[in-house]
N, C-alpha and C. Protein backbone atom coordinates (compact mmCIF):
# COMPACT_ATOMS: atom_id res chain seq x y z
N MET A 1 196.20 22.15 129.21
CA MET A 1 196.27 23.55 129.61
C MET A 1 195.23 23.76 130.70
N ARG A 2 195.63 24.46 131.72
CA ARG A 2 194.73 24.75 132.83
C ARG A 2 194.73 26.25 133.08
N VAL A 3 193.56 26.76 133.44
CA VAL A 3 193.45 28.14 133.86
C VAL A 3 192.67 28.22 135.16
N VAL A 4 193.05 29.17 135.97
CA VAL A 4 192.25 29.61 137.10
C VAL A 4 191.86 31.03 136.74
N ILE A 5 190.55 31.25 136.63
CA ILE A 5 190.01 32.54 136.21
C ILE A 5 189.36 33.19 137.41
N GLN A 6 189.75 34.43 137.68
CA GLN A 6 189.15 35.18 138.77
C GLN A 6 188.56 36.47 138.23
N ARG A 7 187.28 36.67 138.52
CA ARG A 7 186.65 37.94 138.16
C ARG A 7 187.12 38.98 139.17
N VAL A 8 187.67 40.07 138.65
CA VAL A 8 188.27 41.06 139.54
C VAL A 8 187.73 42.46 139.26
N SER A 9 187.78 43.30 140.30
CA SER A 9 187.51 44.72 140.09
C SER A 9 188.83 45.43 139.79
N CYS A 10 189.95 44.81 140.21
CA CYS A 10 191.28 45.28 139.83
C CYS A 10 192.29 44.18 140.14
N ALA A 11 193.40 44.20 139.42
CA ALA A 11 194.47 43.24 139.66
C ALA A 11 195.77 43.80 139.09
N SER A 12 196.87 43.36 139.69
CA SER A 12 198.18 43.78 139.19
C SER A 12 199.19 42.69 139.46
N VAL A 13 200.30 42.77 138.73
CA VAL A 13 201.41 41.85 138.93
C VAL A 13 202.69 42.68 139.01
N GLU A 14 203.52 42.35 139.99
CA GLU A 14 204.78 43.06 140.21
C GLU A 14 205.95 42.10 140.07
N VAL A 15 207.06 42.62 139.55
CA VAL A 15 208.33 41.92 139.52
C VAL A 15 209.36 42.88 140.07
N ASP A 16 210.11 42.45 141.08
CA ASP A 16 211.11 43.31 141.74
C ASP A 16 210.49 44.63 142.21
N ASN A 17 209.31 44.53 142.81
CA ASN A 17 208.59 45.68 143.36
C ASN A 17 208.19 46.72 142.31
N LYS A 18 208.13 46.32 141.06
CA LYS A 18 207.70 47.21 139.98
C LYS A 18 206.48 46.60 139.29
N VAL A 19 205.43 47.38 139.15
CA VAL A 19 204.22 46.89 138.47
C VAL A 19 204.52 46.70 136.99
N VAL A 20 204.31 45.47 136.50
CA VAL A 20 204.55 45.17 135.09
C VAL A 20 203.25 44.96 134.32
N GLY A 21 202.14 44.81 135.04
CA GLY A 21 200.84 44.66 134.41
C GLY A 21 199.74 44.95 135.41
N ASN A 22 198.70 45.66 134.97
CA ASN A 22 197.57 45.91 135.86
C ASN A 22 196.31 46.16 135.05
N ILE A 23 195.18 45.84 135.67
CA ILE A 23 193.88 46.02 135.03
C ILE A 23 192.87 46.53 136.04
N GLY A 24 191.77 47.05 135.49
CA GLY A 24 190.59 47.37 136.29
C GLY A 24 189.64 46.19 136.22
N GLN A 25 188.36 46.45 136.00
CA GLN A 25 187.36 45.37 135.94
C GLN A 25 187.69 44.39 134.82
N GLY A 26 187.66 43.13 135.15
CA GLY A 26 187.93 42.11 134.14
C GLY A 26 188.27 40.79 134.75
N LEU A 27 189.22 40.09 134.09
CA LEU A 27 189.61 38.76 134.53
C LEU A 27 191.11 38.68 134.75
N LEU A 28 191.49 38.06 135.86
CA LEU A 28 192.86 37.63 136.08
C LEU A 28 192.89 36.16 135.72
N VAL A 29 193.76 35.80 134.78
CA VAL A 29 193.88 34.42 134.34
C VAL A 29 195.26 33.91 134.70
N LEU A 30 195.29 32.88 135.55
CA LEU A 30 196.53 32.16 135.84
C LEU A 30 196.57 31.00 134.85
N LEU A 31 197.62 30.94 134.05
CA LEU A 31 197.70 30.01 132.92
C LEU A 31 198.79 28.98 133.14
N GLY A 32 198.39 27.71 133.17
CA GLY A 32 199.33 26.60 133.28
C GLY A 32 199.37 25.84 131.98
N ILE A 33 200.57 25.58 131.47
CA ILE A 33 200.74 24.91 130.18
C ILE A 33 201.50 23.62 130.41
N GLU A 34 200.99 22.53 129.84
CA GLU A 34 201.67 21.25 129.97
C GLU A 34 202.31 20.85 128.65
N GLN A 35 203.26 19.95 128.74
CA GLN A 35 204.03 19.54 127.57
C GLN A 35 203.13 18.98 126.46
N ALA A 36 202.03 18.33 126.82
CA ALA A 36 201.15 17.69 125.84
C ALA A 36 200.15 18.66 125.20
N ASP A 37 200.15 19.92 125.58
CA ASP A 37 199.18 20.88 125.04
C ASP A 37 199.43 21.15 123.57
N THR A 38 198.32 21.34 122.86
CA THR A 38 198.35 21.60 121.42
C THR A 38 197.67 22.92 121.12
N ALA A 39 197.73 23.33 119.87
CA ALA A 39 197.04 24.55 119.44
C ALA A 39 195.55 24.43 119.68
N ASP A 40 195.01 23.22 119.56
CA ASP A 40 193.58 23.00 119.81
C ASP A 40 193.24 23.28 121.27
N ASP A 41 194.10 22.86 122.20
CA ASP A 41 193.87 23.15 123.62
C ASP A 41 193.84 24.66 123.85
N LEU A 42 194.79 25.36 123.25
CA LEU A 42 194.87 26.81 123.41
C LEU A 42 193.62 27.50 122.87
N LYS A 43 193.22 27.15 121.65
CA LYS A 43 192.04 27.78 121.05
C LYS A 43 190.79 27.51 121.89
N TRP A 44 190.63 26.29 122.36
CA TRP A 44 189.45 25.93 123.13
C TRP A 44 189.39 26.69 124.45
N ILE A 45 190.52 26.72 125.18
CA ILE A 45 190.51 27.34 126.50
C ILE A 45 190.42 28.87 126.40
N LEU A 46 191.00 29.44 125.35
CA LEU A 46 190.88 30.89 125.16
C LEU A 46 189.44 31.27 124.85
N LYS A 47 188.81 30.54 123.96
CA LYS A 47 187.40 30.82 123.61
C LYS A 47 186.51 30.69 124.85
N LYS A 48 186.74 29.64 125.62
CA LYS A 48 185.95 29.41 126.83
C LYS A 48 186.17 30.56 127.83
N THR A 49 187.40 30.98 128.00
CA THR A 49 187.73 32.05 128.94
C THR A 49 187.06 33.36 128.56
N LEU A 50 187.19 33.76 127.31
CA LEU A 50 186.65 35.06 126.88
C LEU A 50 185.13 35.08 126.82
N ASN A 51 184.52 33.92 126.64
CA ASN A 51 183.06 33.86 126.50
C ASN A 51 182.35 33.38 127.76
N LEU A 52 183.09 33.08 128.82
CA LEU A 52 182.51 32.61 130.07
C LEU A 52 181.59 33.69 130.63
N ARG A 53 180.33 33.34 130.84
CA ARG A 53 179.33 34.32 131.29
C ARG A 53 179.34 34.41 132.81
N ILE A 54 180.26 35.24 133.34
CA ILE A 54 180.40 35.37 134.79
C ILE A 54 180.32 36.83 135.25
N PHE A 55 179.85 37.71 134.38
CA PHE A 55 179.62 39.11 134.75
C PHE A 55 178.13 39.35 134.80
N ASP A 56 177.70 40.21 135.73
CA ASP A 56 176.27 40.45 135.95
C ASP A 56 175.64 41.26 134.81
N ASP A 57 174.40 40.89 134.51
CA ASP A 57 173.60 41.70 133.58
C ASP A 57 172.80 42.71 134.42
N LEU A 58 171.85 43.38 133.80
CA LEU A 58 171.06 44.41 134.51
C LEU A 58 170.22 43.83 135.65
N ASN A 59 169.96 42.52 135.62
CA ASN A 59 169.16 41.87 136.66
C ASN A 59 170.04 41.19 137.71
N ASN A 60 171.34 41.53 137.72
CA ASN A 60 172.30 40.92 138.66
C ASN A 60 172.40 39.41 138.53
N VAL A 61 172.27 38.95 137.29
CA VAL A 61 172.45 37.53 136.97
C VAL A 61 173.74 37.41 136.17
N MET A 62 174.59 36.45 136.53
CA MET A 62 175.83 36.26 135.77
C MET A 62 175.47 35.74 134.38
N ASN A 63 175.40 36.67 133.45
CA ASN A 63 174.92 36.35 132.11
C ASN A 63 175.75 37.02 131.02
N LYS A 64 176.82 37.72 131.41
CA LYS A 64 177.63 38.45 130.43
C LYS A 64 179.08 37.96 130.49
N SER A 65 179.73 38.02 129.35
CA SER A 65 181.13 37.59 129.24
C SER A 65 182.06 38.79 129.33
N LEU A 66 183.35 38.51 129.37
CA LEU A 66 184.35 39.57 129.33
C LEU A 66 184.18 40.42 128.08
N LEU A 67 183.89 39.77 126.97
CA LEU A 67 183.65 40.48 125.71
C LEU A 67 182.44 41.40 125.82
N ASP A 68 181.37 40.92 126.46
CA ASP A 68 180.14 41.71 126.59
C ASP A 68 180.33 42.97 127.43
N VAL A 69 181.17 42.87 128.47
CA VAL A 69 181.33 44.02 129.37
C VAL A 69 182.56 44.86 129.02
N ASP A 70 183.22 44.51 127.93
CA ASP A 70 184.42 45.23 127.48
C ASP A 70 185.45 45.32 128.61
N GLY A 71 185.61 44.18 129.31
CA GLY A 71 186.52 44.13 130.45
C GLY A 71 187.97 43.96 130.03
N GLU A 72 188.85 44.05 131.02
CA GLU A 72 190.28 43.91 130.79
C GLU A 72 190.74 42.52 131.18
N LEU A 73 191.94 42.15 130.71
CA LEU A 73 192.48 40.82 130.95
C LEU A 73 193.93 40.92 131.38
N LEU A 74 194.26 40.22 132.46
CA LEU A 74 195.63 40.08 132.94
C LEU A 74 195.95 38.59 132.94
N VAL A 75 197.00 38.21 132.21
CA VAL A 75 197.39 36.80 132.10
C VAL A 75 198.75 36.60 132.75
N VAL A 76 198.80 35.65 133.68
CA VAL A 76 200.02 35.34 134.41
C VAL A 76 200.34 33.86 134.24
N SER A 77 201.54 33.55 133.76
CA SER A 77 201.94 32.15 133.62
C SER A 77 202.16 31.55 135.00
N GLN A 78 201.71 30.29 135.15
CA GLN A 78 201.85 29.65 136.46
C GLN A 78 202.00 28.14 136.27
N PHE A 79 203.25 27.69 136.20
CA PHE A 79 203.51 26.27 135.98
C PHE A 79 203.01 25.40 137.12
N THR A 80 202.85 25.97 138.33
CA THR A 80 202.40 25.16 139.46
C THR A 80 200.97 24.67 139.31
N LEU A 81 200.23 25.23 138.37
CA LEU A 81 198.88 24.70 138.10
C LEU A 81 198.93 23.28 137.54
N MET A 82 200.09 22.89 137.02
CA MET A 82 200.24 21.55 136.46
C MET A 82 200.73 20.54 137.50
N ALA A 83 200.75 20.93 138.77
CA ALA A 83 201.25 20.06 139.83
C ALA A 83 200.43 18.79 139.96
N SER A 84 201.13 17.72 140.23
CA SER A 84 200.49 16.46 140.59
C SER A 84 200.80 16.21 142.06
N THR A 85 199.76 15.95 142.83
CA THR A 85 199.93 15.69 144.26
C THR A 85 199.52 14.26 144.61
N LYS A 86 199.52 13.41 143.60
CA LYS A 86 199.06 12.03 143.76
C LYS A 86 199.89 11.25 144.78
N LYS A 87 201.21 11.40 144.71
CA LYS A 87 202.09 10.66 145.62
C LYS A 87 202.80 11.61 146.57
N GLY A 88 202.79 11.29 147.83
CA GLY A 88 203.55 12.06 148.80
C GLY A 88 203.02 13.46 149.01
N ASN A 89 203.86 14.29 149.61
CA ASN A 89 203.46 15.65 149.94
C ASN A 89 204.20 16.71 149.14
N ARG A 90 205.15 16.28 148.33
CA ARG A 90 205.87 17.23 147.50
C ARG A 90 205.29 17.17 146.09
N PRO A 91 204.73 18.29 145.60
CA PRO A 91 204.13 18.28 144.26
C PRO A 91 205.17 17.95 143.18
N SER A 92 204.70 17.25 142.17
CA SER A 92 205.53 16.96 141.00
C SER A 92 205.06 17.85 139.86
N TYR A 93 206.02 18.42 139.15
CA TYR A 93 205.71 19.31 138.02
C TYR A 93 206.14 18.69 136.71
N ILE A 94 206.19 17.37 136.65
CA ILE A 94 206.68 16.65 135.48
C ILE A 94 205.84 16.95 134.23
N ARG A 95 204.56 17.25 134.42
CA ARG A 95 203.69 17.54 133.27
C ARG A 95 203.81 18.97 132.76
N ALA A 96 204.38 19.85 133.56
CA ALA A 96 204.52 21.25 133.15
C ALA A 96 205.43 21.34 131.93
N ALA A 97 205.04 22.18 131.00
CA ALA A 97 205.81 22.35 129.76
C ALA A 97 207.15 23.02 130.05
N ASN A 98 208.16 22.63 129.28
CA ASN A 98 209.45 23.32 129.38
C ASN A 98 209.33 24.69 128.70
N HIS A 99 210.33 25.52 128.89
CA HIS A 99 210.28 26.88 128.35
C HIS A 99 210.10 26.90 126.83
N ASN A 100 210.74 25.99 126.13
CA ASN A 100 210.65 25.97 124.66
C ASN A 100 209.22 25.75 124.17
N HIS A 101 208.43 25.04 124.94
CA HIS A 101 207.04 24.78 124.57
C HIS A 101 206.10 25.82 125.19
N ALA A 102 206.36 26.17 126.45
CA ALA A 102 205.43 27.01 127.20
C ALA A 102 205.44 28.47 126.76
N ILE A 103 206.63 29.04 126.53
CA ILE A 103 206.69 30.46 126.19
C ILE A 103 205.92 30.78 124.91
N PRO A 104 206.10 30.03 123.82
CA PRO A 104 205.30 30.34 122.62
C PRO A 104 203.79 30.20 122.86
N PHE A 105 203.37 29.23 123.68
CA PHE A 105 201.94 29.07 123.96
C PHE A 105 201.42 30.23 124.80
N TYR A 106 202.19 30.66 125.78
CA TYR A 106 201.81 31.81 126.61
C TYR A 106 201.68 33.06 125.74
N GLU A 107 202.67 33.30 124.91
CA GLU A 107 202.65 34.48 124.03
C GLU A 107 201.47 34.41 123.06
N LEU A 108 201.22 33.23 122.49
CA LEU A 108 200.12 33.09 121.54
C LEU A 108 198.77 33.29 122.23
N PHE A 109 198.63 32.76 123.45
CA PHE A 109 197.39 32.96 124.21
C PHE A 109 197.12 34.46 124.36
N CYS A 110 198.14 35.21 124.75
CA CYS A 110 197.99 36.66 124.96
C CYS A 110 197.70 37.38 123.64
N LEU A 111 198.42 37.03 122.58
CA LEU A 111 198.21 37.69 121.28
C LEU A 111 196.82 37.42 120.72
N GLU A 112 196.37 36.17 120.81
CA GLU A 112 195.03 35.83 120.31
C GLU A 112 193.95 36.52 121.15
N ALA A 113 194.18 36.62 122.46
CA ALA A 113 193.22 37.33 123.32
C ALA A 113 193.15 38.80 122.93
N GLU A 114 194.30 39.41 122.62
CA GLU A 114 194.30 40.81 122.20
C GLU A 114 193.51 41.00 120.92
N LYS A 115 193.63 40.08 119.98
CA LYS A 115 192.84 40.17 118.74
C LYS A 115 191.35 40.08 119.03
N ASP A 116 190.96 39.12 119.87
CA ASP A 116 189.54 38.93 120.17
C ASP A 116 188.96 40.08 120.98
N LEU A 117 189.74 40.62 121.90
CA LEU A 117 189.27 41.71 122.75
C LEU A 117 189.43 43.07 122.09
N ASN A 118 190.29 43.12 121.09
CA ASN A 118 190.61 44.38 120.41
C ASN A 118 191.21 45.40 121.38
N LYS A 119 192.05 44.90 122.27
CA LYS A 119 192.75 45.76 123.23
C LYS A 119 193.96 45.01 123.77
N LYS A 120 194.85 45.75 124.38
CA LYS A 120 196.06 45.20 124.97
C LYS A 120 195.72 44.30 126.15
N VAL A 121 196.43 43.20 126.27
CA VAL A 121 196.29 42.29 127.40
C VAL A 121 197.47 42.54 128.33
N ALA A 122 197.18 42.77 129.61
CA ALA A 122 198.24 42.94 130.60
C ALA A 122 198.84 41.56 130.90
N ARG A 123 200.13 41.55 131.20
CA ARG A 123 200.83 40.28 131.40
C ARG A 123 201.78 40.36 132.58
N GLY A 124 202.09 39.17 133.07
CA GLY A 124 203.22 39.04 133.97
C GLY A 124 204.46 38.84 133.11
N ILE A 125 205.55 38.43 133.74
CA ILE A 125 206.77 38.13 133.01
C ILE A 125 207.03 36.64 133.18
N PHE A 126 207.05 35.93 132.07
CA PHE A 126 207.18 34.48 132.09
C PHE A 126 208.44 34.08 132.86
N GLY A 127 208.28 33.18 133.82
CA GLY A 127 209.40 32.64 134.56
C GLY A 127 209.91 33.51 135.70
N ALA A 128 209.38 34.71 135.84
CA ALA A 128 209.84 35.61 136.90
C ALA A 128 209.19 35.26 138.23
N ASP A 129 209.79 35.71 139.31
CA ASP A 129 209.19 35.63 140.63
C ASP A 129 208.25 36.82 140.75
N MET A 130 206.96 36.55 140.70
CA MET A 130 205.96 37.61 140.61
C MET A 130 205.13 37.70 141.89
N THR A 131 204.66 38.90 142.16
CA THR A 131 203.69 39.14 143.22
C THR A 131 202.40 39.58 142.53
N VAL A 132 201.34 38.81 142.75
CA VAL A 132 200.04 39.10 142.13
C VAL A 132 199.11 39.64 143.20
N LYS A 133 198.51 40.78 142.90
CA LYS A 133 197.54 41.40 143.81
C LYS A 133 196.22 41.51 143.08
N LEU A 134 195.14 41.22 143.80
CA LEU A 134 193.83 41.30 143.16
C LEU A 134 192.74 41.58 144.16
N THR A 135 191.67 42.15 143.65
CA THR A 135 190.44 42.26 144.40
C THR A 135 189.43 41.39 143.66
N ASN A 136 189.18 40.21 144.23
CA ASN A 136 188.27 39.26 143.60
C ASN A 136 186.86 39.78 143.77
N ASP A 137 186.14 39.91 142.68
CA ASP A 137 184.79 40.46 142.66
C ASP A 137 183.79 39.33 142.74
N GLY A 138 183.11 39.21 143.86
CA GLY A 138 182.08 38.19 144.00
C GLY A 138 182.14 37.47 145.35
N PRO A 139 183.10 36.66 145.61
CA PRO A 139 184.20 36.22 144.76
C PRO A 139 183.73 35.24 143.69
N VAL A 140 184.36 35.35 142.53
CA VAL A 140 184.11 34.42 141.43
C VAL A 140 185.46 33.87 141.00
N THR A 141 185.63 32.57 141.14
CA THR A 141 186.84 31.88 140.73
C THR A 141 186.46 30.58 140.05
N ILE A 142 186.95 30.38 138.82
CA ILE A 142 186.60 29.21 138.01
C ILE A 142 187.88 28.53 137.55
N GLN A 143 187.89 27.20 137.57
CA GLN A 143 189.02 26.42 137.04
C GLN A 143 188.57 25.70 135.78
N ILE A 144 189.43 25.71 134.78
CA ILE A 144 189.12 25.00 133.53
C ILE A 144 190.37 24.23 133.10
N ASP A 145 190.17 23.01 132.66
CA ASP A 145 191.26 22.16 132.16
C ASP A 145 190.89 21.70 130.75
N SER A 146 191.74 22.00 129.78
CA SER A 146 191.42 21.67 128.38
C SER A 146 191.40 20.17 128.13
N LYS A 147 191.98 19.38 129.03
CA LYS A 147 191.98 17.93 128.86
C LYS A 147 190.67 17.32 129.36
N ASN A 148 190.02 17.96 130.32
CA ASN A 148 188.74 17.44 130.86
C ASN A 148 187.55 18.01 130.12
N ARG A 149 187.64 19.26 129.72
CA ARG A 149 186.56 19.96 129.00
C ARG A 149 185.20 19.80 129.67
N GLU A 150 185.18 20.02 130.97
CA GLU A 150 183.91 19.95 131.72
C GLU A 150 183.38 21.34 131.99
């Protein structure tokens, strides 16, 4: 499982020119799920995402998490995060999970995040052609891969 996390002052996702999810201050999470992902990968990456200390404290030091600042979360599925560019110039998505595996993991990620945050998580629409708009705050952008755990 891979995520690209962006600290935002606002973000939204549109499908067919209609806003389907939007947030104010918080995190935009682009979520890539691979066929080999397990519940352990999901739990680990969700905990890391929600507890990542990338929000400023009173001394302007990135020392607070999304939980600490009571921020919002927008989660967008993105199979292209699983791209392999090892050979040639056309990315391979062979590692990306099929719908039967990916949709339940995406839904579970969002549901577990809602429990931990005690608030609704904004979402894109799985498999849709989406337009994502954001104002990256910082900019702060972090990549995490549950297989590397670095």
